[in-house]
Amino acid sequence: MNPVLVARAQRLFNLVGGGWPLLHLRSFQCVFGPKSEEWLQRTTAGLLATADWSMLFTPAGAVRQARRTGLGTAVTLLAVDLVYVPIGRIRPTHLLDAAMQIGWLLAWRRCGRLGPPAGR
């Protein structure tokens, strides 16, 4: 599996997911449930979209950084989904996101171990 393509695909997925509540919060809340702190939802979405926009055009030399960011993002979002769905804080539709995050973790695993950076 090509790690550059995995990085770009994950970033695009997260960019769309992060942009959705920024562009149309009402439709996002129809699917994932209303939140009492809209400012926090928008802040989280903005941070996710910003981080992923910068990683969307990952050059081949930055794959190690993209992998770290991709793994960290997937683990964090998966943990939120798996902790807060069972206690009823967020809707079960978040388990769809959990499945995608597991998919990203598996995709990075299929890329194998990345070698040392060039020049070493």
C-alpha atoms as a PDB file:
ATOM      1  CA  MET A   1       0.000   0.000   0.000  1.00  0.00           C
ATOM      2  CA  ASN A   2       1.360   3.420  -0.940  1.00  0.00           C
ATOM      3  CA  PRO A   3       1.810   5.577   2.206  1.00  0.00           C
ATOM      4  CA  VAL A   4       1.555   8.846   0.259  1.00  0.00           C
ATOM      5  CA  LEU A   5      -1.858   7.812  -1.059  1.00  0.00           C
ATOM      6  CA  VAL A   6      -2.984   6.697   2.412  1.00  0.00           C
ATOM      7  CA  ALA A   7      -1.890  10.044   3.861  1.00  0.00           C
ATOM      8  CA  ARG A   8      -3.713  12.020   1.201  1.00  0.00           C
ATOM      9  CA  ALA A   9      -6.882   9.912   1.422  1.00  0.00           C
ATOM     10  CA  GLN A  10      -7.027  10.149   5.222  1.00  0.00           C
ATOM     11  CA  ARG A  11      -6.431  13.880   5.111  1.00  0.00           C
ATOM     12  CA  LEU A  12      -9.160  14.369   2.529  1.00  0.00           C
ATOM     13  CA  PHE A  13     -11.584  12.303   4.631  1.00  0.00           C
ATOM     14  CA  ASN A  14     -10.779  14.326   7.755  1.00  0.00           C
ATOM     15  CA  LEU A  15     -10.863  17.615   5.851  1.00  0.00           C
ATOM     16  CA  VAL A  16     -14.382  16.868   4.652  1.00  0.00           C
ATOM     17  CA  GLY A  17     -15.422  15.651   8.116  1.00  0.00           C
ATOM     18  CA  GLY A  18     -13.915  18.696   9.778  1.00  0.00           C
ATOM     19  CA  GLY A  19     -15.366  21.068   7.216  1.00  0.00           C
ATOM     20  CA  TRP A  20     -18.909  19.734   7.396  1.00  0.00           C
ATOM     21  CA  PRO A  21     -19.870  21.268  10.770  1.00  0.00           C
ATOM     22  CA  LEU A  22     -18.160  24.498   9.758  1.00  0.00           C
ATOM     23  CA  LEU A  23     -20.146  24.739   6.537  1.00  0.00           C
ATOM     24  CA  HIS A  24     -23.516  23.404   7.721  1.00  0.00           C
ATOM     25  CA  LEU A  25     -23.720  22.722  11.449  1.00  0.00           C
ATOM     26  CA  ARG A  26     -27.447  21.924  11.378  1.00  0.00           C
ATOM     27  CA  SER A  27     -27.116  18.984   8.961  1.00  0.00           C
ATOM     28  CA  PHE A  28     -24.081  17.707  10.865  1.00  0.00           C
ATOM     29  CA  GLN A  29     -26.089  17.755  14.103  1.00  0.00           C
ATOM     30  CA  CYS A  30     -28.993  15.958  12.423  1.00  0.00           C
ATOM     31  CA  VAL A  31     -26.673  13.021  11.796  1.00  0.00           C
ATOM     32  CA  PHE A  32     -24.400  13.117  14.838  1.00  0.00           C
ATOM     33  CA  GLY A  33     -26.674  14.780  17.372  1.00  0.00           C
ATOM     34  CA  PRO A  34     -26.959  18.241  18.850  1.00  0.00           C
ATOM     35  CA  LYS A  35     -24.152  19.476  21.050  1.00  0.00           C
ATOM     36  CA  SER A  36     -24.537  21.854  23.955  1.00  0.00           C
ATOM     37  CA  GLU A  37     -21.280  23.626  23.138  1.00  0.00           C
ATOM     38  CA  GLU A  38     -21.434  24.647  19.480  1.00  0.00           C
ATOM     39  CA  TRP A  39     -18.297  26.772  19.821  1.00  0.00           C
ATOM     40  CA  LEU A  40     -16.358  23.684  20.933  1.00  0.00           C
ATOM     41  CA  GLN A  41     -17.712  21.639  18.043  1.00  0.00           C
ATOM     42  CA  ARG A  42     -16.692  24.339  15.586  1.00  0.00           C
ATOM     43  CA  THR A  43     -13.268  24.713  17.210  1.00  0.00           C
ATOM     44  CA  THR A  44     -12.616  20.979  16.988  1.00  0.00           C
ATOM     45  CA  ALA A  45     -13.818  20.889  13.391  1.00  0.00           C
ATOM     46  CA  GLY A  46     -11.633  23.858  12.489  1.00  0.00           C
ATOM     47  CA  LEU A  47      -8.542  22.343  14.057  1.00  0.00           C
ATOM     48  CA  LEU A  48      -9.140  19.023  12.335  1.00  0.00           C
ATOM     49  CA  ALA A  49      -9.723  20.684   8.969  1.00  0.00           C
ATOM     50  CA  THR A  50      -6.685  22.950   9.335  1.00  0.00           C
ATOM     51  CA  ALA A  51      -4.313  20.139  10.294  1.00  0.00           C
ATOM     52  CA  ASP A  52      -5.572  17.965   7.508  1.00  0.00           C
ATOM     53  CA  TRP A  53      -5.487  20.702   4.868  1.00  0.00           C
ATOM     54  CA  SER A  54      -1.785  21.102   5.531  1.00  0.00           C
ATOM     55  CA  MET A  55      -1.230  17.341   5.233  1.00  0.00           C
ATOM     56  CA  LEU A  56      -3.390  16.831   2.132  1.00  0.00           C
ATOM     57  CA  PHE A  57      -0.536  17.587  -0.239  1.00  0.00           C
ATOM     58  CA  THR A  58       2.028  15.387   1.503  1.00  0.00           C
ATOM     59  CA  PRO A  59       5.268  15.211  -0.464  1.00  0.00           C
ATOM     60  CA  ALA A  60       6.988  11.840  -0.572  1.00  0.00           C
ATOM     61  CA  GLY A  61       9.708  13.114   1.807  1.00  0.00           C
ATOM     62  CA  ALA A  62       7.176  13.935   4.535  1.00  0.00           C
ATOM     63  CA  VAL A  63       5.488  10.533   4.759  1.00  0.00           C
ATOM     64  CA  ARG A  64       6.904   9.766   8.212  1.00  0.00           C
ATOM     65  CA  GLN A  65       5.347  12.951   9.594  1.00  0.00           C
ATOM     66  CA  ALA A  66       2.077  12.225   7.780  1.00  0.00           C
ATOM     67  CA  ARG A  67       2.030   8.742   9.274  1.00  0.00           C
ATOM     68  CA  ARG A  68       2.530  10.080  12.809  1.00  0.00           C
ATOM     69  CA  THR A  69      -0.201  12.645  12.313  1.00  0.00           C
ATOM     70  CA  GLY A  70      -2.509  10.097  10.693  1.00  0.00           C
ATOM     71  CA  LEU A  71      -2.034   7.520  13.415  1.00  0.00           C
ATOM     72  CA  GLY A  72      -2.408  10.101  16.174  1.00  0.00           C
ATOM     73  CA  THR A  73      -5.558  11.543  14.649  1.00  0.00           C
ATOM     74  CA  ALA A  74      -7.119   8.112  14.115  1.00  0.00           C
ATOM     75  CA  VAL A  75      -6.322   6.914  17.645  1.00  0.00           C
ATOM     76  CA  THR A  76      -7.664  10.123  19.205  1.00  0.00           C
ATOM     77  CA  LEU A  77     -10.920  10.137  17.231  1.00  0.00           C
ATOM     78  CA  LEU A  78     -11.398   6.393  17.783  1.00  0.00           C
ATOM     79  CA  ALA A  79     -10.910   6.806  21.533  1.00  0.00           C
ATOM     80  CA  VAL A  80     -13.502   9.595  21.677  1.00  0.00           C
ATOM     81  CA  ASP A  81     -16.000   7.469  19.756  1.00  0.00           C
ATOM     82  CA  LEU A  82     -15.427   4.360  21.872  1.00  0.00           C
ATOM     83  CA  VAL A  83     -15.553   6.196  25.195  1.00  0.00           C
ATOM     84  CA  TYR A  84     -18.478   8.548  24.639  1.00  0.00           C
ATOM     85  CA  VAL A  85     -20.912   6.392  22.612  1.00  0.00           C
ATOM     86  CA  PRO A  86     -21.290   3.723  25.337  1.00  0.00           C
ATOM     87  CA  ILE A  87     -22.018   6.302  28.054  1.00  0.00           C
ATOM     88  CA  GLY A  88     -24.597   8.021  25.842  1.00  0.00           C
ATOM     89  CA  ARG A  89     -22.761  11.336  25.521  1.00  0.00           C
ATOM     90  CA  ILE A  90     -22.673  11.079  21.715  1.00  0.00           C
ATOM     91  CA  ARG A  91     -24.942   9.235  19.281  1.00  0.00           C
ATOM     92  CA  PRO A  92     -24.247   5.698  18.055  1.00  0.00           C
ATOM     93  CA  THR A  93     -23.768   7.152  14.546  1.00  0.00           C
ATOM     94  CA  HIS A  94     -20.283   8.041  15.792  1.00  0.00           C
ATOM     95  CA  LEU A  95     -19.511   4.320  15.555  1.00  0.00           C
ATOM     96  CA  LEU A  96     -19.446   4.827  11.767  1.00  0.00           C
ATOM     97  CA  ASP A  97     -16.550   7.195  12.361  1.00  0.00           C
ATOM     98  CA  ALA A  98     -14.956   4.651  14.703  1.00  0.00           C
ATOM     99  CA  ALA A  99     -15.065   2.078  11.902  1.00  0.00           C
ATOM    100  CA  MET A 100     -13.353   4.532   9.548  1.00  0.00           C
ATOM    101  CA  GLN A 101     -10.654   5.292  12.125  1.00  0.00           C
ATOM    102  CA  ILE A 102      -9.969   1.566  12.491  1.00  0.00           C
ATOM    103  CA  GLY A 103      -9.725   1.447   8.709  1.00  0.00           C
ATOM    104  CA  TRP A 104      -7.083   4.209   8.714  1.00  0.00           C
ATOM    105  CA  LEU A 105      -5.086   2.390  11.393  1.00  0.00           C
ATOM    106  CA  LEU A 106      -5.184  -0.813   9.324  1.00  0.00           C
ATOM    107  CA  ALA A 107      -4.222   1.069   6.162  1.00  0.00           C
ATOM    108  CA  TRP A 108      -1.157   2.549   7.881  1.00  0.00           C
ATOM    109  CA  ARG A 109      -0.265  -0.905   9.174  1.00  0.00           C
ATOM    110  CA  ARG A 110      -0.452  -2.304   5.635  1.00  0.00           C
ATOM    111  CA  CYS A 111       2.013   0.374   4.530  1.00  0.00           C
ATOM    112  CA  GLY A 112       4.572  -1.381   6.691  1.00  0.00           C
ATOM    113  CA  ARG A 113       7.379   0.177   8.616  1.00  0.00           C
ATOM    114  CA  LEU A 114       8.730   3.284   6.962  1.00  0.00           C
ATOM    115  CA  GLY A 115      12.476   3.375   6.532  1.00  0.00           C
ATOM    116  CA  PRO A 116      14.766   6.082   7.909  1.00  0.00           C
ATOM    117  CA  PRO A 117      14.530   9.555   6.395  1.00  0.00           C
ATOM    118  CA  ALA A 118      16.640  10.181   3.296  1.00  0.00           C
ATOM    119  CA  GLY A 119      20.250  11.141   3.989  1.00  0.00           C
ATOM    120  CA  ARG A 120      20.701   8.868   6.990  1.00  0.00           C
END
